């Protein structure tokens, strides 16, 4: 019973840290990017969504069946689906890819050297934070195993 309580407490703390980290990330972007850059990112995200919806609308029933086939793994599904693409769908994908690339290049051109440094530092902090969370989880699992061993010895 005590182990369950400790595990539940640890899980709650871990979820709290993840939620806090996500809030920090969005706040971090707003500190790094200008409002115009944030709008560019939002427009890019919307373009990706619209392109995805447009492509999904162009799929035939046979192609949808391939996508929904759970017997195939992701790679097999992708290959089977690509084999059935029409010329129009291939052109649509190519145009969508070009549009997104242009939006990304346009955005990258607006980033200053200071912003690049800030982003690099932010990535480094996030990587360290993830590593620390993994280490904490490993330490917790070790303690949990030690508690189990002590419990067995005491019986």
Protein backbone atom coordinates (compact mmCIF):
# COMPACT_ATOMS: atom_id res chain seq x y z
CA UNK A 1 0.00 0.00 0.00
CA UNK A 2 2.81 2.37 0.90
CA UNK A 3 4.58 1.63 -2.38
CA UNK A 4 1.44 2.55 -4.33
CA UNK A 5 1.21 5.88 -2.48
CA UNK A 6 4.86 6.65 -3.15
CA UNK A 7 4.51 5.70 -6.81
CA UNK A 8 1.39 7.85 -7.16
CA UNK A 9 3.17 10.78 -5.52
CA UNK A 10 6.16 10.42 -7.82
CA UNK A 11 3.89 10.22 -10.88
CA UNK A 12 2.05 13.37 -9.77
CA UNK A 13 5.33 15.23 -9.29
CA UNK A 14 6.60 14.06 -12.68
CA UNK A 15 3.40 15.17 -14.42
CA UNK A 16 3.59 18.50 -12.65
CA UNK A 17 7.14 19.02 -13.88
CA UNK A 18 6.16 18.14 -17.46
CA UNK A 19 3.19 20.52 -17.36
CA UNK A 20 5.36 23.29 -15.91
CA UNK A 21 8.04 22.65 -18.52
CA UNK A 22 5.45 22.97 -21.30
CA UNK A 23 4.25 26.31 -19.89
CA UNK A 24 7.86 27.44 -19.70
CA UNK A 25 8.47 26.43 -23.32
CA UNK A 26 5.61 28.51 -24.69
CA UNK A 27 6.64 31.44 -22.50
CA UNK A 28 10.21 30.91 -23.72
CA UNK A 29 9.15 31.24 -27.35
CA UNK A 30 7.35 34.47 -26.63
CA UNK A 31 10.47 35.85 -24.97
CA UNK A 32 12.71 34.84 -27.87
CA UNK A 33 10.58 35.60 -30.93
CA UNK A 34 9.05 38.90 -31.97
CA UNK A 35 5.26 39.12 -32.40
CA UNK A 36 5.73 39.12 -36.19
CA UNK A 37 7.78 35.93 -35.98
CA UNK A 38 5.17 34.29 -33.77
CA UNK A 39 2.56 35.16 -36.40
CA UNK A 40 4.77 33.60 -39.07
CA UNK A 41 5.00 30.40 -37.02
CA UNK A 42 1.25 30.38 -36.54
CA UNK A 43 0.70 30.87 -40.29
CA UNK A 44 3.13 28.05 -41.03
CA UNK A 45 1.29 25.73 -38.68
CA UNK A 46 -2.05 26.64 -40.26
CA UNK A 47 -0.65 26.03 -43.76
CA UNK A 48 0.49 22.56 -42.71
CA UNK A 49 -2.98 21.79 -41.32
CA UNK A 50 -4.74 23.07 -44.44
CA UNK A 51 -2.40 21.12 -46.72
CA UNK A 52 -2.97 17.95 -44.71
CA UNK A 53 -6.75 18.37 -44.88
CA UNK A 54 -6.61 19.11 -48.61
CA UNK A 55 -4.54 15.99 -49.21
CA UNK A 56 -6.80 13.81 -47.06
CA UNK A 57 -9.79 15.05 -49.06
CA UNK A 58 -8.08 13.89 -52.28
CA UNK A 59 -7.70 10.29 -51.06
CA UNK A 60 -9.82 7.59 -52.70
CA UNK A 61 -11.70 4.94 -50.73
CA UNK A 62 -8.99 2.40 -51.63
CA UNK A 63 -6.28 4.73 -50.29
CA UNK A 64 -8.25 5.35 -47.08
CA UNK A 65 -8.55 1.59 -46.62
CA UNK A 66 -4.76 1.29 -46.89
CA UNK A 67 -4.36 3.98 -44.21
CA UNK A 68 -6.79 2.21 -41.88
CA UNK A 69 -5.27 -1.24 -42.42
CA UNK A 70 -3.88 -2.24 -39.03
CA UNK A 71 -2.25 -5.40 -40.43
CA UNK A 72 0.48 -3.27 -42.02
CA UNK A 73 3.11 -1.45 -40.01
CA UNK A 74 3.67 2.28 -40.56
CA UNK A 75 6.40 1.84 -43.19
CA UNK A 76 4.43 -0.73 -45.19
CA UNK A 77 1.34 1.48 -45.07
CA UNK A 78 3.32 4.48 -46.33
CA UNK A 79 4.88 2.46 -49.18
CA UNK A 80 1.54 0.93 -50.20
CA UNK A 81 -0.13 4.31 -50.14
CA UNK A 82 2.62 5.98 -52.18
CA UNK A 83 2.31 3.28 -54.81
CA UNK A 84 -1.35 4.30 -55.33
CA UNK A 85 -0.82 8.07 -55.61
CA UNK A 86 -2.16 9.74 -58.71
CA UNK A 87 -0.17 12.36 -60.60
CA UNK A 88 -2.41 15.05 -59.12
CA UNK A 89 -1.73 13.84 -55.59
CA UNK A 90 2.01 13.74 -56.25
CA UNK A 91 1.88 17.31 -57.57
CA UNK A 92 -0.18 18.39 -54.55
CA UNK A 93 2.37 16.89 -52.14
CA UNK A 94 5.23 18.50 -54.03
CA UNK A 95 3.50 21.90 -54.03
CA UNK A 96 2.72 21.58 -50.31
CA UNK A 97 6.33 20.68 -49.57
CA UNK A 98 7.56 23.67 -51.56
CA UNK A 99 5.13 26.02 -49.81
CA UNK A 100 6.21 24.89 -46.34
CA UNK A 101 9.89 25.10 -47.30
CA UNK A 102 9.38 28.67 -48.53
CA UNK A 103 7.60 29.63 -45.29
CA UNK A 104 10.41 28.10 -43.20
CA UNK A 105 13.10 29.85 -45.24
CA UNK A 106 11.23 33.14 -44.92
CA UNK A 107 11.04 32.65 -41.14
CA UNK A 108 14.71 31.68 -40.83
CA UNK A 109 15.69 34.88 -42.65
CA UNK A 110 14.09 36.95 -39.88
CA UNK A 111 15.99 35.31 -36.99
CA UNK A 112 18.79 37.42 -35.54
CA UNK A 113 22.09 36.13 -34.15
CA UNK A 114 20.90 36.86 -30.59
CA UNK A 115 17.78 34.80 -31.19
CA UNK A 116 19.87 31.96 -32.58
CA UNK A 117 21.99 32.00 -29.41
CA UNK A 118 18.90 32.08 -27.21
CA UNK A 119 17.39 29.15 -29.09
CA UNK A 120 20.62 27.18 -28.83
CA UNK A 121 20.74 27.78 -25.06
CA UNK A 122 17.05 26.84 -24.75
CA UNK A 123 17.62 23.54 -26.60
CA UNK A 124 20.58 22.81 -24.32
CA UNK A 125 18.49 23.51 -21.19
CA UNK A 126 15.68 21.30 -22.47
CA UNK A 127 18.12 18.49 -23.22
CA UNK A 128 19.63 18.75 -19.73
CA UNK A 129 16.17 18.84 -18.17
CA UNK A 130 15.18 15.68 -20.04
CA UNK A 131 18.41 13.96 -19.01
CA UNK A 132 17.82 14.95 -15.36
CA UNK A 133 14.28 13.59 -15.49
CA UNK A 134 15.60 10.27 -16.82
CA UNK A 135 18.23 10.16 -14.09
CA UNK A 136 15.61 10.90 -11.42
CA UNK A 137 13.41 8.14 -12.78
CA UNK A 138 16.31 5.67 -12.67
CA UNK A 139 17.13 6.69 -9.09
CA UNK A 140 13.49 6.25 -8.13
CA UNK A 141 13.40 2.78 -9.68
CA UNK A 142 16.58 1.82 -7.80
CA UNK A 143 15.06 2.99 -4.51
CA UNK A 144 11.87 1.12 -5.30
CA UNK A 145 13.85 -2.09 -5.89
CA UNK A 146 15.78 -1.54 -2.64
CA UNK A 147 12.51 -1.11 -0.74
CA UNK A 148 11.20 -4.33 -2.24
CA UNK A 149 14.37 -6.20 -1.23
CA UNK A 150 14.20 -4.82 2.33
CA UNK A 151 10.57 -5.81 2.55
CA UNK A 152 11.41 -9.37 1.50
CA UNK A 153 14.20 -9.57 4.08
CA UNK A 154 11.94 -8.32 6.85
CA UNK A 155 9.31 -11.00 6.18
